[in-house]
Amino acid sequence: MAKTTNPLWTGYKGFRGAVLKQIVFRTYGESTYVSKYPDMTNIIPSESQLKEKRKFAEAVKFAREIVNDPVKKAAYKAAEGKSVYHTAIKDYMEQG
């Protein structure tokens, strides 16, 4: 990962993300770093990783159903300072 001092990239606070799946910009503190986009083609997720991925997809579906229904959304108890969507995902993930 290379540190950049190019004002085009460092002039924006919080400049980060991938560009055309070629390079990635990361900001740590006041410094901006550039690195190669990660190659995940040879990565084989474990069964437990796939299980958690499926569970998270179900949690997102659950949260969207609540947010898209005004009655359910009004009745759902969101944590202080948190959105109903994020609270619903957290609640779903924490249930066994």
PDB file of N, CA and C in Angstrom:
ATOM      1  N   MET A   1       0.853  -1.158   0.000  1.00  0.00           N
ATOM      2  CA  MET A   1       0.000   0.000   0.000  1.00  0.00           C
ATOM      3  C   MET A   1       0.904   1.226   0.000  1.00  0.00           C
ATOM      4  N   ALA A   2       0.655   2.114  -0.915  1.00  0.00           N
ATOM      5  CA  ALA A   2       1.475   3.305  -1.064  1.00  0.00           C
ATOM      6  C   ALA A   2       0.739   4.527  -0.541  1.00  0.00           C
ATOM      7  N   LYS A   3       1.464   5.375   0.158  1.00  0.00           N
ATOM      8  CA  LYS A   3       0.899   6.626   0.651  1.00  0.00           C
ATOM      9  C   LYS A   3       0.936   7.641  -0.483  1.00  0.00           C
ATOM     10  N   THR A   4      -0.144   8.372  -0.661  1.00  0.00           N
ATOM     11  CA  THR A   4      -0.185   9.367  -1.719  1.00  0.00           C
ATOM     12  C   THR A   4      -0.238  10.773  -1.133  1.00  0.00           C
ATOM     13  N   THR A   5       0.427  11.686  -1.811  1.00  0.00           N
ATOM     14  CA  THR A   5       0.372  13.095  -1.425  1.00  0.00           C
ATOM     15  C   THR A   5      -0.214  13.931  -2.554  1.00  0.00           C
ATOM     16  N   ASN A   6      -0.754  13.270  -3.567  1.00  0.00           N
ATOM     17  CA  ASN A   6      -1.358  13.944  -4.694  1.00  0.00           C
ATOM     18  C   ASN A   6      -2.556  14.760  -4.203  1.00  0.00           C
ATOM     19  N   PRO A   7      -2.540  16.088  -4.392  1.00  0.00           N
ATOM     20  CA  PRO A   7      -3.643  16.912  -3.886  1.00  0.00           C
ATOM     21  C   PRO A   7      -4.993  16.587  -4.535  1.00  0.00           C
ATOM     22  N   LEU A   8      -4.969  15.978  -5.708  1.00  0.00           N
ATOM     23  CA  LEU A   8      -6.217  15.585  -6.348  1.00  0.00           C
ATOM     24  C   LEU A   8      -6.954  14.545  -5.506  1.00  0.00           C
ATOM     25  N   TRP A   9      -6.224  13.630  -4.870  1.00  0.00           N
ATOM     26  CA  TRP A   9      -6.822  12.565  -4.080  1.00  0.00           C
ATOM     27  C   TRP A   9      -6.876  12.894  -2.597  1.00  0.00           C
ATOM     28  N   THR A  10      -5.917  13.653  -2.090  1.00  0.00           N
ATOM     29  CA  THR A  10      -5.881  13.939  -0.661  1.00  0.00           C
ATOM     30  C   THR A  10      -6.648  15.202  -0.309  1.00  0.00           C
ATOM     31  N   GLY A  11      -7.086  15.962  -1.302  1.00  0.00           N
ATOM     32  CA  GLY A  11      -7.789  17.209  -1.042  1.00  0.00           C
ATOM     33  C   GLY A  11      -9.177  17.020  -0.477  1.00  0.00           C
ATOM     34  N   TYR A  12      -9.746  15.841  -0.622  1.00  0.00           N
ATOM     35  CA  TYR A  12     -11.087  15.564  -0.130  1.00  0.00           C
ATOM     36  C   TYR A  12     -11.009  14.775   1.165  1.00  0.00           C
ATOM     37  N   LYS A  13     -11.701  15.247   2.184  1.00  0.00           N
ATOM     38  CA  LYS A  13     -11.728  14.523   3.453  1.00  0.00           C
ATOM     39  C   LYS A  13     -12.475  13.209   3.277  1.00  0.00           C
ATOM     40  N   GLY A  14     -11.905  12.146   3.748  1.00  0.00           N
ATOM     41  CA  GLY A  14     -12.567  10.851   3.705  1.00  0.00           C
ATOM     42  C   GLY A  14     -12.640  10.224   2.326  1.00  0.00           C
ATOM     43  N   PHE A  15     -11.775  10.610   1.416  1.00  0.00           N
ATOM     44  CA  PHE A  15     -11.771  10.020   0.075  1.00  0.00           C
ATOM     45  C   PHE A  15     -11.385   8.562   0.205  1.00  0.00           C
ATOM     46  N   ARG A  16     -12.272   7.665  -0.230  1.00  0.00           N
ATOM     47  CA  ARG A  16     -11.991   6.235  -0.099  1.00  0.00           C
ATOM     48  C   ARG A  16     -12.841   5.467  -1.086  1.00  0.00           C
ATOM     49  N   GLY A  17     -12.450   4.220  -1.337  1.00  0.00           N
ATOM     50  CA  GLY A  17     -13.235   3.357  -2.191  1.00  0.00           C
ATOM     51  C   GLY A  17     -12.456   2.822  -3.369  1.00  0.00           C
ATOM     52  N   ALA A  18     -13.115   1.979  -4.149  1.00  0.00           N
ATOM     53  CA  ALA A  18     -12.501   1.332  -5.305  1.00  0.00           C
ATOM     54  C   ALA A  18     -12.806   2.115  -6.566  1.00  0.00           C
ATOM     55  N   VAL A  19     -11.872   2.051  -7.509  1.00  0.00           N
ATOM     56  CA  VAL A  19     -12.043   2.691  -8.803  1.00  0.00           C
ATOM     57  C   VAL A  19     -11.884   1.619  -9.875  1.00  0.00           C
ATOM     58  N   LEU A  20     -12.975   1.326 -10.579  1.00  0.00           N
ATOM     59  CA  LEU A  20     -12.993   0.363 -11.676  1.00  0.00           C
ATOM     60  C   LEU A  20     -12.399  -0.998 -11.318  1.00  0.00           C
ATOM     61  N   LYS A  21     -12.498  -1.369 -10.065  1.00  0.00           N
ATOM     62  CA  LYS A  21     -11.947  -2.638  -9.573  1.00  0.00           C
ATOM     63  C   LYS A  21     -10.471  -2.800  -9.958  1.00  0.00           C
ATOM     64  N   GLN A  22      -9.764  -1.678  -9.969  1.00  0.00           N
ATOM     65  CA  GLN A  22      -8.332  -1.683 -10.270  1.00  0.00           C
ATOM     66  C   GLN A  22      -7.516  -1.229  -9.063  1.00  0.00           C
ATOM     67  N   ILE A  23      -7.918  -0.113  -8.451  1.00  0.00           N
ATOM     68  CA  ILE A  23      -7.199   0.420  -7.300  1.00  0.00           C
ATOM     69  C   ILE A  23      -8.197   0.767  -6.201  1.00  0.00           C
ATOM     70  N   VAL A  24      -7.672   0.845  -4.965  1.00  0.00           N
ATOM     71  CA  VAL A  24      -8.482   1.158  -3.805  1.00  0.00           C
ATOM     72  C   VAL A  24      -7.825   2.305  -3.051  1.00  0.00           C
ATOM     73  N   PHE A  25      -8.628   3.281  -2.660  1.00  0.00           N
ATOM     74  CA  PHE A  25      -8.147   4.390  -1.838  1.00  0.00           C
ATOM     75  C   PHE A  25      -8.628   4.168  -0.421  1.00  0.00           C
ATOM     76  N   ARG A  26      -7.698   4.312   0.541  1.00  0.00           N
ATOM     77  CA  ARG A  26      -8.031   4.175   1.955  1.00  0.00           C
ATOM     78  C   ARG A  26      -7.508   5.407   2.680  1.00  0.00           C
ATOM     79  N   THR A  27      -8.285   5.903   3.635  1.00  0.00           N
ATOM     80  CA  THR A  27      -7.863   7.058   4.415  1.00  0.00           C
ATOM     81  C   THR A  27      -7.729   6.633   5.867  1.00  0.00           C
ATOM     82  N   TYR A  28      -6.547   6.852   6.419  1.00  0.00           N
ATOM     83  CA  TYR A  28      -6.268   6.603   7.831  1.00  0.00           C
ATOM     84  C   TYR A  28      -5.780   7.912   8.420  1.00  0.00           C
ATOM     85  N   GLY A  29      -6.564   8.475   9.318  1.00  0.00           N
ATOM     86  CA  GLY A  29      -6.199   9.768   9.896  1.00  0.00           C
ATOM     87  C   GLY A  29      -6.180  10.831   8.811  1.00  0.00           C
ATOM     88  N   GLU A  30      -5.061  11.489   8.649  1.00  0.00           N
ATOM     89  CA  GLU A  30      -4.911  12.530   7.634  1.00  0.00           C
ATOM     90  C   GLU A  30      -4.234  12.000   6.367  1.00  0.00           C
ATOM     91  N   SER A  31      -3.896  10.734   6.319  1.00  0.00           N
ATOM     92  CA  SER A  31      -3.147  10.167   5.192  1.00  0.00           C
ATOM     93  C   SER A  31      -4.053   9.341   4.284  1.00  0.00           C
ATOM     94  N   THR A  32      -3.791   9.419   2.986  1.00  0.00           N
ATOM     95  CA  THR A  32      -4.514   8.626   2.004  1.00  0.00           C
ATOM     96  C   THR A  32      -3.563   7.615   1.391  1.00  0.00           C
ATOM     97  N   TYR A  33      -4.005   6.361   1.287  1.00  0.00           N
ATOM     98  CA  TYR A  33      -3.190   5.290   0.748  1.00  0.00           C
ATOM     99  C   TYR A  33      -3.866   4.696  -0.482  1.00  0.00           C
ATOM    100  N   VAL A  34      -3.049   4.251  -1.424  1.00  0.00           N
ATOM    101  CA  VAL A  34      -3.539   3.633  -2.645  1.00  0.00           C
ATOM    102  C   VAL A  34      -3.002   2.206  -2.690  1.00  0.00           C
ATOM    103  N   SER A  35      -3.865   1.252  -3.017  1.00  0.00           N
ATOM    104  CA  SER A  35      -3.418  -0.133  -3.127  1.00  0.00           C
ATOM    105  C   SER A  35      -4.153  -0.820  -4.265  1.00  0.00           C
ATOM    106  N   LYS A  36      -3.661  -1.990  -4.619  1.00  0.00           N
ATOM    107  CA  LYS A  36      -4.270  -2.800  -5.665  1.00  0.00           C
ATOM    108  C   LYS A  36      -5.602  -3.361  -5.164  1.00  0.00           C
ATOM    109  N   TYR A  37      -6.575  -3.464  -6.048  1.00  0.00           N
ATOM    110  CA  TYR A  37      -7.863  -4.046  -5.699  1.00  0.00           C
ATOM    111  C   TYR A  37      -7.644  -5.516  -5.318  1.00  0.00           C
ATOM    112  N   PRO A  38      -8.249  -5.992  -4.228  1.00  0.00           N
ATOM    113  CA  PRO A  38      -8.010  -7.372  -3.805  1.00  0.00           C
ATOM    114  C   PRO A  38      -8.581  -8.404  -4.783  1.00  0.00           C
ATOM    115  N   ASP A  39      -7.810  -9.453  -5.035  1.00  0.00           N
ATOM    116  CA  ASP A  39      -8.237 -10.544  -5.916  1.00  0.00           C
ATOM    117  C   ASP A  39      -8.827 -11.655  -5.047  1.00  0.00           C
ATOM    118  N   MET A  40     -10.141 -11.811  -5.099  1.00  0.00           N
ATOM    119  CA  MET A  40     -10.828 -12.794  -4.263  1.00  0.00           C
ATOM    120  C   MET A  40     -11.253 -14.029  -5.055  1.00  0.00           C
ATOM    121  N   THR A  41     -10.732 -14.203  -6.275  1.00  0.00           N
ATOM    122  CA  THR A  41     -11.183 -15.304  -7.127  1.00  0.00           C
ATOM    123  C   THR A  41     -10.794 -16.674  -6.587  1.00  0.00           C
ATOM    124  N   ASN A  42      -9.701 -16.782  -5.867  1.00  0.00           N
ATOM    125  CA  ASN A  42      -9.250 -18.080  -5.363  1.00  0.00           C
ATOM    126  C   ASN A  42      -9.667 -18.332  -3.920  1.00  0.00           C
ATOM    127  N   ILE A  43     -10.491 -17.457  -3.368  1.00  0.00           N
ATOM    128  CA  ILE A  43     -10.942 -17.603  -1.991  1.00  0.00           C
ATOM    129  C   ILE A  43     -12.183 -18.498  -1.958  1.00  0.00           C
ATOM    130  N   ILE A  44     -12.107 -19.529  -1.143  1.00  0.00           N
ATOM    131  CA  ILE A  44     -13.242 -20.434  -0.966  1.00  0.00           C
ATOM    132  C   ILE A  44     -13.748 -20.243   0.461  1.00  0.00           C
ATOM    133  N   PRO A  45     -14.952 -19.650   0.622  1.00  0.00           N
ATOM    134  CA  PRO A  45     -15.457 -19.415   1.979  1.00  0.00           C
ATOM    135  C   PRO A  45     -15.786 -20.731   2.685  1.00  0.00           C
ATOM    136  N   SER A  46     -15.585 -20.731   3.995  1.00  0.00           N
ATOM    137  CA  SER A  46     -15.898 -21.920   4.782  1.00  0.00           C
ATOM    138  C   SER A  46     -17.415 -22.045   4.928  1.00  0.00           C
ATOM    139  N   GLU A  47     -17.849 -23.207   5.381  1.00  0.00           N
ATOM    140  CA  GLU A  47     -19.281 -23.440   5.572  1.00  0.00           C
ATOM    141  C   GLU A  47     -19.859 -22.472   6.605  1.00  0.00           C
ATOM    142  N   SER A  48     -19.101 -22.176   7.666  1.00  0.00           N
ATOM    143  CA  SER A  48     -19.609 -21.241   8.682  1.00  0.00           C
ATOM    144  C   SER A  48     -19.695 -19.817   8.124  1.00  0.00           C
ATOM    145  N   GLN A  49     -18.778 -19.432   7.236  1.00  0.00           N
ATOM    146  CA  GLN A  49     -18.869 -18.114   6.606  1.00  0.00           C
ATOM    147  C   GLN A  49     -20.102 -18.030   5.712  1.00  0.00           C
ATOM    148  N   LEU A  50     -20.367 -19.076   4.965  1.00  0.00           N
ATOM    149  CA  LEU A  50     -21.553 -19.105   4.114  1.00  0.00           C
ATOM    150  C   LEU A  50     -22.833 -19.067   4.949  1.00  0.00           C
ATOM    151  N   LYS A  51     -22.808 -19.764   6.093  1.00  0.00           N
ATOM    152  CA  LYS A  51     -23.958 -19.783   6.988  1.00  0.00           C
ATOM    153  C   LYS A  51     -24.245 -18.371   7.511  1.00  0.00           C
ATOM    154  N   GLU A  52     -23.198 -17.653   7.939  1.00  0.00           N
ATOM    155  CA  GLU A  52     -23.363 -16.282   8.434  1.00  0.00           C
ATOM    156  C   GLU A  52     -23.810 -15.337   7.326  1.00  0.00           C
ATOM    157  N   LYS A  53     -23.317 -15.556   6.132  1.00  0.00           N
ATOM    158  CA  LYS A  53     -23.720 -14.725   4.990  1.00  0.00           C
ATOM    159  C   LYS A  53     -25.207 -14.908   4.709  1.00  0.00           C
ATOM    160  N   ARG A  54     -25.674 -16.158   4.760  1.00  0.00           N
ATOM    161  CA  ARG A  54     -27.102 -16.432   4.554  1.00  0.00           C
ATOM    162  C   ARG A  54     -27.942 -15.807   5.674  1.00  0.00           C
ATOM    163  N   LYS A  55     -27.458 -15.922   6.906  1.00  0.00           N
ATOM    164  CA  LYS A  55     -28.177 -15.348   8.042  1.00  0.00           C
ATOM    165  C   LYS A  55     -28.273 -13.828   7.905  1.00  0.00           C
ATOM    166  N   PHE A  56     -27.197 -13.176   7.458  1.00  0.00           N
ATOM    167  CA  PHE A  56     -27.222 -11.735   7.286  1.00  0.00           C
ATOM    168  C   PHE A  56     -28.196 -11.342   6.171  1.00  0.00           C
ATOM    169  N   ALA A  57     -28.230 -12.114   5.086  1.00  0.00           N
ATOM    170  CA  ALA A  57     -29.182 -11.841   4.000  1.00  0.00           C
ATOM    171  C   ALA A  57     -30.616 -11.945   4.514  1.00  0.00           C
ATOM    172  N   GLU A  58     -30.881 -12.922   5.380  1.00  0.00           N
ATOM    173  CA  GLU A  58     -32.212 -13.061   5.980  1.00  0.00           C
ATOM    174  C   GLU A  58     -32.514 -11.873   6.888  1.00  0.00           C
ATOM    175  N   ALA A  59     -31.500 -11.395   7.610  1.00  0.00           N
ATOM    176  CA  ALA A  59     -31.680 -10.238   8.495  1.00  0.00           C
ATOM    177  C   ALA A  59     -32.016  -8.983   7.692  1.00  0.00           C
ATOM    178  N   VAL A  60     -31.378  -8.815   6.559  1.00  0.00           N
ATOM    179  CA  VAL A  60     -31.664  -7.663   5.695  1.00  0.00           C
ATOM    180  C   VAL A  60     -33.093  -7.760   5.165  1.00  0.00           C
ATOM    181  N   LYS A  61     -33.501  -8.955   4.764  1.00  0.00           N
ATOM    182  CA  LYS A  61     -34.872  -9.153   4.279  1.00  0.00           C
ATOM    183  C   LYS A  61     -35.874  -8.819   5.379  1.00  0.00           C
ATOM    184  N   PHE A  62     -35.601  -9.273   6.590  1.00  0.00           N
ATOM    185  CA  PHE A  62     -36.450  -8.995   7.750  1.00  0.00           C
ATOM    186  C   PHE A  62     -36.544  -7.491   8.002  1.00  0.00           C
ATOM    187  N   ALA A  63     -35.420  -6.799   7.984  1.00  0.00           N
ATOM    188  CA  ALA A  63     -35.394  -5.362   8.244  1.00  0.00           C
ATOM    189  C   ALA A  63     -36.136  -4.586   7.155  1.00  0.00           C
ATOM    190  N   ARG A  64     -35.968  -5.003   5.908  1.00  0.00           N
ATOM    191  CA  ARG A  64     -36.668  -4.318   4.804  1.00  0.00           C
ATOM    192  C   ARG A  64     -38.184  -4.481   4.923  1.00  0.00           C
ATOM    193  N   GLU A  65     -38.616  -5.664   5.342  1.00  0.00           N
ATOM    194  CA  GLU A  65     -40.057  -5.884   5.527  1.00  0.00           C
ATOM    195  C   GLU A  65     -40.615  -4.950   6.590  1.00  0.00           C
ATOM    196  N   ILE A  66     -39.876  -4.733   7.656  1.00  0.00           N
ATOM    197  CA  ILE A  66     -40.322  -3.840   8.723  1.00  0.00           C
ATOM    198  C   ILE A  66     -40.338  -2.389   8.239  1.00  0.00           C
ATOM    199  N   VAL A  67     -39.277  -1.957   7.593  1.00  0.00           N
ATOM    200  CA  VAL A  67     -39.172  -0.567   7.145  1.00  0.00           C
ATOM    201  C   VAL A  67     -40.210  -0.246   6.074  1.00  0.00           C
ATOM    202  N   ASN A  68     -40.532  -1.198   5.212  1.00  0.00           N
ATOM    203  CA  ASN A  68     -41.479  -0.957   4.127  1.00  0.00           C
ATOM    204  C   ASN A  68     -42.944  -1.012   4.563  1.00  0.00           C
ATOM    205  N   ASP A  69     -43.205  -1.472   5.772  1.00  0.00           N
ATOM    206  CA  ASP A  69     -44.561  -1.513   6.295  1.00  0.00           C
ATOM    207  C   ASP A  69     -44.695  -0.427   7.370  1.00  0.00           C
ATOM    208  N   PRO A  70     -45.429   0.653   7.095  1.00  0.00           N
ATOM    209  CA  PRO A  70     -45.523   1.774   8.049  1.00  0.00           C
ATOM    210  C   PRO A  70     -46.031   1.371   9.436  1.00  0.00           C
ATOM    211  N   VAL A  71     -46.943   0.408   9.487  1.00  0.00           N
ATOM    212  CA  VAL A  71     -47.481  -0.031  10.780  1.00  0.00           C
ATOM    213  C   VAL A  71     -46.401  -0.743  11.586  1.00  0.00           C
ATOM    214  N   LYS A  72     -45.699  -1.673  10.938  1.00  0.00           N
ATOM    215  CA  LYS A  72     -44.621  -2.400  11.632  1.00  0.00           C
ATOM    216  C   LYS A  72     -43.491  -1.451  12.029  1.00  0.00           C
ATOM    217  N   LYS A  73     -43.177  -0.508  11.154  1.00  0.00           N
ATOM    218  CA  LYS A  73     -42.098   0.437  11.434  1.00  0.00           C
ATOM    219  C   LYS A  73     -42.431   1.302  12.647  1.00  0.00           C
ATOM    220  N   ALA A  74     -43.662   1.774  12.731  1.00  0.00           N
ATOM    221  CA  ALA A  74     -44.074   2.607  13.865  1.00  0.00           C
ATOM    222  C   ALA A  74     -44.086   1.812  15.167  1.00  0.00           C
ATOM    223  N   ALA A  75     -44.402   0.518  15.085  1.00  0.00           N
ATOM    224  CA  ALA A  75     -44.481  -0.311  16.283  1.00  0.00           C
ATOM    225  C   ALA A  75     -43.121  -0.836  16.734  1.00  0.00           C
ATOM    226  N   TYR A  76     -42.126  -0.822  15.841  1.00  0.00           N
ATOM    227  CA  TYR A  76     -40.819  -1.396  16.177  1.00  0.00           C
ATOM    228  C   TYR A  76     -40.039  -0.459  17.083  1.00  0.00           C
ATOM    229  N   LYS A  77     -39.486  -0.998  18.144  1.00  0.00           N
ATOM    230  CA  LYS A  77     -38.718  -0.200  19.102  1.00  0.00           C
ATOM    231  C   LYS A  77     -37.264  -0.107  18.650  1.00  0.00           C
ATOM    232  N   ALA A  78     -36.888   1.064  18.149  1.00  0.00           N
ATOM    233  CA  ALA A  78     -35.509   1.280  17.710  1.00  0.00           C
ATOM    234  C   ALA A  78     -34.674   1.761  18.889  1.00  0.00           C
ATOM    235  N   ALA A  79     -33.416   1.399  18.894  1.00  0.00           N
ATOM    236  CA  ALA A  79     -32.497   1.850  19.930  1.00  0.00           C
ATOM    237  C   ALA A  79     -32.297   3.360  19.810  1.00  0.00           C
ATOM    238  N   GLU A  80     -31.987   3.991  20.905  1.00  0.00           N
ATOM    239  CA  GLU A  80     -31.775   5.438  20.932  1.00  0.00           C
ATOM    240  C   GLU A  80     -30.681   5.851  19.946  1.00  0.00           C
ATOM    241  N   GLY A  81     -31.023   6.757  19.033  1.00  0.00           N
ATOM    242  CA  GLY A  81     -30.060   7.255  18.063  1.00  0.00           C
ATOM    243  C   GLY A  81     -29.778   6.310  16.907  1.00  0.00           C
ATOM    244  N   LYS A  82     -30.524   5.207  16.807  1.00  0.00           N
ATOM    245  CA  LYS A  82     -30.323   4.228  15.735  1.00  0.00           C
ATOM    246  C   LYS A  82     -31.572   4.167  14.855  1.00  0.00           C
ATOM    247  N   SER A  83     -31.381   3.756  13.624  1.00  0.00           N
ATOM    248  CA  SER A  83     -32.519   3.617  12.721  1.00  0.00           C
ATOM    249  C   SER A  83     -33.233   2.295  12.991  1.00  0.00           C
ATOM    250  N   VAL A  84     -34.481   2.240  12.583  1.00  0.00           N
ATOM    251  CA  VAL A  84     -35.260   1.008  12.714  1.00  0.00           C
ATOM    252  C   VAL A  84     -34.593  -0.101  11.907  1.00  0.00           C
ATOM    253  N   TYR A  85     -34.116   0.242  10.716  1.00  0.00           N
ATOM    254  CA  TYR A  85     -33.466  -0.735   9.838  1.00  0.00           C
ATOM    255  C   TYR A  85     -32.269  -1.401  10.534  1.00  0.00           C
ATOM    256  N   HIS A  86     -31.362  -0.598  11.067  1.00  0.00           N
ATOM    257  CA  HIS A  86     -30.166  -1.160  11.704  1.00  0.00           C
ATOM    258  C   HIS A  86     -30.495  -1.904  12.996  1.00  0.00           C
ATOM    259  N   THR A  87     -31.475  -1.399  13.742  1.00  0.00           N
ATOM    260  CA  THR A  87     -31.885  -2.092  14.963  1.00  0.00           C
ATOM    261  C   THR A  87     -32.504  -3.445  14.633  1.00  0.00           C
ATOM    262  N   ALA A  88     -33.304  -3.500  13.567  1.00  0.00           N
ATOM    263  CA  ALA A  88     -33.920  -4.772  13.169  1.00  0.00           C
ATOM    264  C   ALA A  88     -32.864  -5.784  12.730  1.00  0.00           C
ATOM    265  N   ILE A  89     -31.863  -5.343  11.994  1.00  0.00           N
ATOM    266  CA  ILE A  89     -30.775  -6.250  11.590  1.00  0.00           C
ATOM    267  C   ILE A  89     -30.048  -6.769  12.824  1.00  0.00           C
ATOM    268  N   LYS A  90     -29.730  -5.873  13.750  1.00  0.00           N
ATOM    269  CA  LYS A  90     -29.025  -6.288  14.962  1.00  0.00           C
ATOM    270  C   LYS A  90     -29.852  -7.293  15.763  1.00  0.00           C
ATOM    271  N   ASP A  91     -31.141  -6.992  15.912  1.00  0.00           N
ATOM    272  CA  ASP A  91     -32.018  -7.901  16.662  1.00  0.00           C
ATOM    273  C   ASP A  91     -32.085  -9.279  16.007  1.00  0.00           C
ATOM    274  N   TYR A  92     -32.205  -9.312  14.694  1.00  0.00           N
ATOM    275  CA  TYR A  92     -32.277 -10.590  13.974  1.00  0.00           C
ATOM    276  C   TYR A  92     -30.976 -11.381  14.135  1.00  0.00           C
ATOM    277  N   MET A  93     -29.853 -10.688  14.025  1.00  0.00           N
ATOM    278  CA  MET A  93     -28.559 -11.374  14.120  1.00  0.00           C
ATOM    279  C   MET A  93     -28.307 -11.902  15.537  1.00  0.00           C
ATOM    280  N   GLU A  94     -28.831 -11.212  16.544  1.00  0.00           N
ATOM    281  CA  GLU A  94     -28.604 -11.630  17.926  1.00  0.00           C
ATOM    282  C   GLU A  94     -29.506 -12.783  18.364  1.00  0.00           C
ATOM    283  N   GLN A  95     -30.635 -12.949  17.672  1.00  0.00           N
ATOM    284  CA  GLN A  95     -31.485 -14.083  18.029  1.00  0.00           C
ATOM    285  C   GLN A  95     -30.836 -15.358  17.509  1.00  0.00           C
ATOM    286  N   GLY A  96     -30.949 -16.426  18.238  1.00  0.00           N
ATOM    287  CA  GLY A  96     -30.274 -17.679  17.931  1.00  0.00           C
ATOM    288  C   GLY A  96     -30.706 -18.269  16.673  1.00  0.00           C
TER     289      GLY A  96
END
